[in-house]
Amino acid sequence: MDGAGRRGNFRLYLSSAIKLSYRFLMLSISESQLEEVARIIGADGASDGTVETRVLALVQDPMLARRVIDWLPEAFAMVLIPHMGAVTLPTTFSAKNKSGNWVELDFRIEPIFHSAILLATQIFHNGPQDTFRNIVHRSALLATVSRALNEGASLDGATLSGPALIGVPAEVYPAPTRSIWRKLFR
């Protein structure tokens, strides 16, 4: 193969590698942007449409906007729920892949989650409490816990399942890795 052919193959390989790497490039959000998103979501009377428009304008990426809008309330709920009872919190969440199957993923692969937990803890302890309340009331986890409590159940000893993301596809995240033992003995 001549030099031009090898360069062409290398360009094709490099192009494929870049596309593959970009797939797993997780855009994240700065601390100041996350605080601004909390002010947007936590504003009294903020509609879903207003929240989506303002967050998208702030972060300039539709998937990043969707992720932060979905994750912030769940992180706030994870800070609040342990104060409601002796409950075991989830360590995973689910997202649908392009085939329509649910994929279980570890919280650690979502960079927004860690930052959101820190912010939620700070606002829980230092306020503003109305911002915390407005954000946490958007949480699916808190809705589940509230339904259980309203039906007379106790949280003590309960184990919560992680949230199931509807608007964020599993392909946004790196594929979960399985140990060699699970691969061999499944």
C-alpha atoms as a PDB file:
ATOM      1  CA  MET A   1       0.000   0.000   0.000  1.00  0.00           C
ATOM      2  CA  ASP A   2       1.360   3.415  -0.891  1.00  0.00           C
ATOM      3  CA  GLY A   3       1.712   6.322   1.527  1.00  0.00           C
ATOM      4  CA  ALA A   4      -1.504   7.991   0.362  1.00  0.00           C
ATOM      5  CA  GLY A   5      -3.488   4.781   0.962  1.00  0.00           C
ATOM      6  CA  ARG A   6      -2.057   4.345   4.459  1.00  0.00           C
ATOM      7  CA  ARG A   7      -2.788   8.010   5.268  1.00  0.00           C
ATOM      8  CA  GLY A   8      -6.349   7.552   4.009  1.00  0.00           C
ATOM      9  CA  ASN A   9      -6.821   4.433   6.161  1.00  0.00           C
ATOM     10  CA  PHE A  10      -5.314   6.224   9.143  1.00  0.00           C
ATOM     11  CA  ARG A  11      -7.670   9.194   8.599  1.00  0.00           C
ATOM     12  CA  LEU A  12     -10.617   6.794   8.445  1.00  0.00           C
ATOM     13  CA  TYR A  13      -9.399   5.039  11.624  1.00  0.00           C
ATOM     14  CA  LEU A  14      -8.802   8.371  13.358  1.00  0.00           C
ATOM     15  CA  SER A  15     -12.210   9.647  12.265  1.00  0.00           C
ATOM     16  CA  SER A  16     -13.869   6.493  13.655  1.00  0.00           C
ATOM     17  CA  ALA A  17     -11.895   6.773  16.903  1.00  0.00           C
ATOM     18  CA  ILE A  18     -12.867  10.425  17.300  1.00  0.00           C
ATOM     19  CA  LYS A  19     -16.546   9.615  16.714  1.00  0.00           C
ATOM     20  CA  LEU A  20     -16.341   6.763  19.216  1.00  0.00           C
ATOM     21  CA  SER A  21     -14.510   8.945  21.758  1.00  0.00           C
ATOM     22  CA  TYR A  22     -16.995  11.786  21.277  1.00  0.00           C
ATOM     23  CA  ARG A  23     -19.813   9.389  22.081  1.00  0.00           C
ATOM     24  CA  PHE A  24     -18.319   8.923  25.532  1.00  0.00           C
ATOM     25  CA  LEU A  25     -17.309  12.535  26.065  1.00  0.00           C
ATOM     26  CA  MET A  26     -19.487  13.613  28.947  1.00  0.00           C
ATOM     27  CA  LEU A  27     -20.148  17.301  28.917  1.00  0.00           C
ATOM     28  CA  SER A  28     -20.322  18.596  32.428  1.00  0.00           C
ATOM     29  CA  ILE A  29     -21.348  21.812  34.055  1.00  0.00           C
ATOM     30  CA  SER A  30     -19.379  24.313  36.103  1.00  0.00           C
ATOM     31  CA  GLU A  31     -20.191  24.938  39.748  1.00  0.00           C
ATOM     32  CA  SER A  32     -21.441  28.449  38.965  1.00  0.00           C
ATOM     33  CA  GLN A  33     -23.658  27.142  36.135  1.00  0.00           C
ATOM     34  CA  LEU A  34     -25.080  24.470  38.445  1.00  0.00           C
ATOM     35  CA  GLU A  35     -25.870  27.130  41.044  1.00  0.00           C
ATOM     36  CA  GLU A  36     -27.617  29.196  38.363  1.00  0.00           C
ATOM     37  CA  VAL A  37     -29.605  26.139  37.238  1.00  0.00           C
ATOM     38  CA  ALA A  38     -30.644  25.636  40.880  1.00  0.00           C
ATOM     39  CA  ARG A  39     -31.885  29.230  40.986  1.00  0.00           C
ATOM     40  CA  ILE A  40     -33.813  28.658  37.726  1.00  0.00           C
ATOM     41  CA  ILE A  41     -35.387  25.343  38.786  1.00  0.00           C
ATOM     42  CA  GLY A  42     -35.871  26.531  42.362  1.00  0.00           C
ATOM     43  CA  ALA A  43     -37.696  29.731  41.473  1.00  0.00           C
ATOM     44  CA  ASP A  44     -41.256  29.975  42.763  1.00  0.00           C
ATOM     45  CA  GLY A  45     -43.759  29.075  40.054  1.00  0.00           C
ATOM     46  CA  ALA A  46     -41.156  28.110  37.427  1.00  0.00           C
ATOM     47  CA  SER A  47     -42.899  26.179  34.648  1.00  0.00           C
ATOM     48  CA  ASP A  48     -41.271  23.245  32.874  1.00  0.00           C
ATOM     49  CA  GLY A  49     -41.091  25.248  29.652  1.00  0.00           C
ATOM     50  CA  THR A  50     -39.427  28.220  31.327  1.00  0.00           C
ATOM     51  CA  VAL A  51     -36.942  25.947  33.101  1.00  0.00           C
ATOM     52  CA  GLU A  52     -36.034  24.131  29.881  1.00  0.00           C
ATOM     53  CA  THR A  53     -35.649  27.338  27.866  1.00  0.00           C
ATOM     54  CA  ARG A  54     -33.528  29.121  30.485  1.00  0.00           C
ATOM     55  CA  VAL A  55     -31.307  26.112  31.266  1.00  0.00           C
ATOM     56  CA  LEU A  56     -30.694  25.441  27.565  1.00  0.00           C
ATOM     57  CA  ALA A  57     -29.757  29.100  27.055  1.00  0.00           C
ATOM     58  CA  LEU A  58     -27.331  28.812  29.974  1.00  0.00           C
ATOM     59  CA  VAL A  59     -25.564  25.551  29.096  1.00  0.00           C
ATOM     60  CA  GLN A  60     -25.878  25.720  25.274  1.00  0.00           C
ATOM     61  CA  ASP A  61     -26.260  21.962  24.773  1.00  0.00           C
ATOM     62  CA  PRO A  62     -29.643  20.191  24.662  1.00  0.00           C
ATOM     63  CA  MET A  63     -28.451  16.902  26.212  1.00  0.00           C
ATOM     64  CA  LEU A  64     -26.494  18.665  28.953  1.00  0.00           C
ATOM     65  CA  ALA A  65     -29.589  20.748  29.699  1.00  0.00           C
ATOM     66  CA  ARG A  66     -31.751  17.605  29.875  1.00  0.00           C
ATOM     67  CA  ARG A  67     -29.252  15.841  32.147  1.00  0.00           C
ATOM     68  CA  VAL A  68     -28.947  18.716  34.619  1.00  0.00           C
ATOM     69  CA  ILE A  69     -32.715  19.331  34.662  1.00  0.00           C
ATOM     70  CA  ASP A  70     -33.312  15.636  35.386  1.00  0.00           C
ATOM     71  CA  TRP A  71     -30.460  15.078  37.856  1.00  0.00           C
ATOM     72  CA  LEU A  72     -30.682  18.135  40.091  1.00  0.00           C
ATOM     73  CA  PRO A  73     -34.059  17.215  41.676  1.00  0.00           C
ATOM     74  CA  GLU A  74     -32.983  13.579  42.155  1.00  0.00           C
ATOM     75  CA  ALA A  75     -29.786  14.646  43.926  1.00  0.00           C
ATOM     76  CA  PHE A  76     -31.785  16.980  46.167  1.00  0.00           C
ATOM     77  CA  ALA A  77     -34.123  14.097  47.012  1.00  0.00           C
ATOM     78  CA  MET A  78     -31.139  11.880  47.872  1.00  0.00           C
ATOM     79  CA  VAL A  79     -30.092  14.499  50.427  1.00  0.00           C
ATOM     80  CA  LEU A  80     -33.598  14.877  51.901  1.00  0.00           C
ATOM     81  CA  ILE A  81     -34.876  11.285  52.010  1.00  0.00           C
ATOM     82  CA  PRO A  82     -32.435   9.955  54.667  1.00  0.00           C
ATOM     83  CA  HIS A  83     -33.859  12.607  57.020  1.00  0.00           C
ATOM     84  CA  MET A  84     -37.301  11.030  56.572  1.00  0.00           C
ATOM     85  CA  GLY A  85     -36.381   7.513  57.739  1.00  0.00           C
ATOM     86  CA  ALA A  86     -33.718   4.821  57.908  1.00  0.00           C
ATOM     87  CA  VAL A  87     -33.665   4.032  54.206  1.00  0.00           C
ATOM     88  CA  THR A  88     -30.994   2.533  51.972  1.00  0.00           C
ATOM     89  CA  LEU A  89     -30.388   4.854  49.049  1.00  0.00           C
ATOM     90  CA  PRO A  90     -29.773   3.589  45.528  1.00  0.00           C
ATOM     91  CA  THR A  91     -26.343   3.569  43.903  1.00  0.00           C
ATOM     92  CA  THR A  92     -27.587   3.025  40.360  1.00  0.00           C
ATOM     93  CA  PHE A  93     -30.038   4.506  37.896  1.00  0.00           C
ATOM     94  CA  SER A  94     -31.614   3.237  34.697  1.00  0.00           C
ATOM     95  CA  ALA A  95     -31.805   4.620  31.178  1.00  0.00           C
ATOM     96  CA  LYS A  96     -33.265   3.118  28.018  1.00  0.00           C
ATOM     97  CA  ASN A  97     -30.947   2.214  25.171  1.00  0.00           C
ATOM     98  CA  LYS A  98     -31.795   2.646  21.494  1.00  0.00           C
ATOM     99  CA  SER A  99     -33.241  -0.888  21.438  1.00  0.00           C
ATOM    100  CA  GLY A 100     -35.746   0.110  24.123  1.00  0.00           C
ATOM    101  CA  ASN A 101     -34.122  -1.968  26.871  1.00  0.00           C
ATOM    102  CA  TRP A 102     -33.445  -0.520  30.298  1.00  0.00           C
ATOM    103  CA  VAL A 103     -29.760  -0.402  31.236  1.00  0.00           C
ATOM    104  CA  GLU A 104     -28.658  -0.127  34.866  1.00  0.00           C
ATOM    105  CA  LEU A 105     -25.814   2.354  35.392  1.00  0.00           C
ATOM    106  CA  ASP A 106     -23.783   3.459  38.388  1.00  0.00           C
ATOM    107  CA  PHE A 107     -24.272   7.007  39.702  1.00  0.00           C
ATOM    108  CA  ARG A 108     -20.497   7.510  39.531  1.00  0.00           C
ATOM    109  CA  ILE A 109     -20.562   7.752  35.729  1.00  0.00           C
ATOM    110  CA  GLU A 110     -22.736  10.884  35.807  1.00  0.00           C
ATOM    111  CA  PRO A 111     -20.493  13.863  36.687  1.00  0.00           C
ATOM    112  CA  ILE A 112     -23.486  16.122  37.317  1.00  0.00           C
ATOM    113  CA  PHE A 113     -24.740  13.850  40.107  1.00  0.00           C
ATOM    114  CA  HIS A 114     -21.723  14.341  42.401  1.00  0.00           C
ATOM    115  CA  SER A 115     -21.750  18.119  41.977  1.00  0.00           C
ATOM    116  CA  ALA A 116     -25.520  18.218  42.472  1.00  0.00           C
ATOM    117  CA  ILE A 117     -25.271  16.231  45.733  1.00  0.00           C
ATOM    118  CA  LEU A 118     -22.730  18.729  47.076  1.00  0.00           C
ATOM    119  CA  LEU A 119     -24.932  21.676  46.102  1.00  0.00           C
ATOM    120  CA  ALA A 120     -28.055  20.001  47.523  1.00  0.00           C
ATOM    121  CA  THR A 121     -26.279  19.369  50.835  1.00  0.00           C
ATOM    122  CA  GLN A 122     -25.145  22.989  51.009  1.00  0.00           C
ATOM    123  CA  ILE A 123     -28.623  24.364  50.254  1.00  0.00           C
ATOM    124  CA  PHE A 124     -30.299  21.861  52.603  1.00  0.00           C
ATOM    125  CA  HIS A 125     -28.185  23.095  55.519  1.00  0.00           C
ATOM    126  CA  ASN A 126     -27.733  26.773  54.617  1.00  0.00           C
ATOM    127  CA  GLY A 127     -30.733  27.665  52.452  1.00  0.00           C
ATOM    128  CA  PRO A 128     -32.500  29.148  50.784  1.00  0.00           C
ATOM    129  CA  GLN A 129     -35.097  26.606  51.900  1.00  0.00           C
ATOM    130  CA  ASP A 130     -37.702  27.669  49.335  1.00  0.00           C
ATOM    131  CA  THR A 131     -35.203  26.923  46.548  1.00  0.00           C
ATOM    132  CA  PHE A 132     -34.501  23.498  48.055  1.00  0.00           C
ATOM    133  CA  ARG A 133     -38.215  22.757  48.390  1.00  0.00           C
ATOM    134  CA  ASN A 134     -39.031  23.842  44.823  1.00  0.00           C
ATOM    135  CA  ILE A 135     -36.237  21.699  43.369  1.00  0.00           C
ATOM    136  CA  VAL A 136     -36.857  18.573  45.456  1.00  0.00           C
ATOM    137  CA  HIS A 137     -40.581  18.606  44.638  1.00  0.00           C
ATOM    138  CA  ARG A 138     -39.615  17.858  41.001  1.00  0.00           C
ATOM    139  CA  SER A 139     -37.992  14.548  42.029  1.00  0.00           C
ATOM    140  CA  ALA A 140     -39.397  11.173  40.993  1.00  0.00           C
ATOM    141  CA  LEU A 141     -37.652   9.561  43.992  1.00  0.00           C
ATOM    142  CA  LEU A 142     -39.367  11.927  46.414  1.00  0.00           C
ATOM    143  CA  ALA A 143     -42.717  11.343  44.681  1.00  0.00           C
ATOM    144  CA  THR A 144     -42.290   7.594  45.209  1.00  0.00           C
ATOM    145  CA  VAL A 145     -41.366   8.047  48.862  1.00  0.00           C
ATOM    146  CA  SER A 146     -44.280  10.450  49.425  1.00  0.00           C
ATOM    147  CA  ARG A 147     -46.757   7.991  47.893  1.00  0.00           C
ATOM    148  CA  ALA A 148     -45.471   5.209  50.154  1.00  0.00           C
ATOM    149  CA  LEU A 149     -45.720   7.406  53.245  1.00  0.00           C
ATOM    150  CA  ASN A 150     -49.222   8.585  52.274  1.00  0.00           C
ATOM    151  CA  GLU A 151     -50.273   4.927  51.978  1.00  0.00           C
ATOM    152  CA  GLY A 152     -49.076   4.317  55.537  1.00  0.00           C
ATOM    153  CA  ALA A 153     -45.770   2.587  54.764  1.00  0.00           C
ATOM    154  CA  SER A 154     -42.626   3.188  56.780  1.00  0.00           C
ATOM    155  CA  LEU A 155     -39.283   4.080  55.255  1.00  0.00           C
ATOM    156  CA  ASP A 156     -37.377   2.379  58.045  1.00  0.00           C
ATOM    157  CA  GLY A 157     -35.475  -0.519  56.536  1.00  0.00           C
ATOM    158  CA  ALA A 158     -36.629   0.264  52.998  1.00  0.00           C
ATOM    159  CA  THR A 159     -34.295   0.128  49.996  1.00  0.00           C
ATOM    160  CA  LEU A 160     -34.974   2.579  47.207  1.00  0.00           C
ATOM    161  CA  SER A 161     -34.451   1.815  43.550  1.00  0.00           C
ATOM    162  CA  GLY A 162     -32.646   4.416  41.504  1.00  0.00           C
ATOM    163  CA  PRO A 163     -34.387   6.782  39.142  1.00  0.00           C
ATOM    164  CA  ALA A 164     -35.288   5.748  35.600  1.00  0.00           C
ATOM    165  CA  LEU A 165     -34.322   8.500  33.192  1.00  0.00           C
ATOM    166  CA  ILE A 166     -36.792   9.016  30.391  1.00  0.00           C
ATOM    167  CA  GLY A 167     -35.182  11.842  28.404  1.00  0.00           C
ATOM    168  CA  VAL A 168     -31.542  10.741  28.611  1.00  0.00           C
ATOM    169  CA  PRO A 169     -30.627   7.683  26.511  1.00  0.00           C
ATOM    170  CA  ALA A 170     -28.265   5.054  27.905  1.00  0.00           C
ATOM    171  CA  GLU A 171     -25.928   5.655  24.956  1.00  0.00           C
ATOM    172  CA  VAL A 172     -24.978   9.023  26.469  1.00  0.00           C
ATOM    173  CA  TYR A 173     -23.053   7.087  29.113  1.00  0.00           C
ATOM    174  CA  PRO A 174     -20.105   4.701  28.746  1.00  0.00           C
ATOM    175  CA  ALA A 175     -21.269   1.095  28.549  1.00  0.00           C
ATOM    176  CA  PRO A 176     -21.208  -0.656  31.921  1.00  0.00           C
ATOM    177  CA  THR A 177     -18.280  -2.992  32.315  1.00  0.00           C
ATOM    178  CA  ARG A 178     -18.719  -6.482  33.654  1.00  0.00           C
ATOM    179  CA  SER A 179     -16.120  -8.355  35.606  1.00  0.00           C
ATOM    180  CA  ILE A 180     -14.352 -11.232  33.896  1.00  0.00           C
ATOM    181  CA  TRP A 181     -16.203 -13.612  36.206  1.00  0.00           C
ATOM    182  CA  ARG A 182     -19.602 -12.349  35.102  1.00  0.00           C
ATOM    183  CA  LYS A 183     -18.546 -12.636  31.496  1.00  0.00           C
ATOM    184  CA  LEU A 184     -17.446 -16.234  32.004  1.00  0.00           C
ATOM    185  CA  PHE A 185     -20.266 -17.399  34.250  1.00  0.00           C
ATOM    186  CA  ARG A 186     -23.406 -15.580  33.161  1.00  0.00           C
END
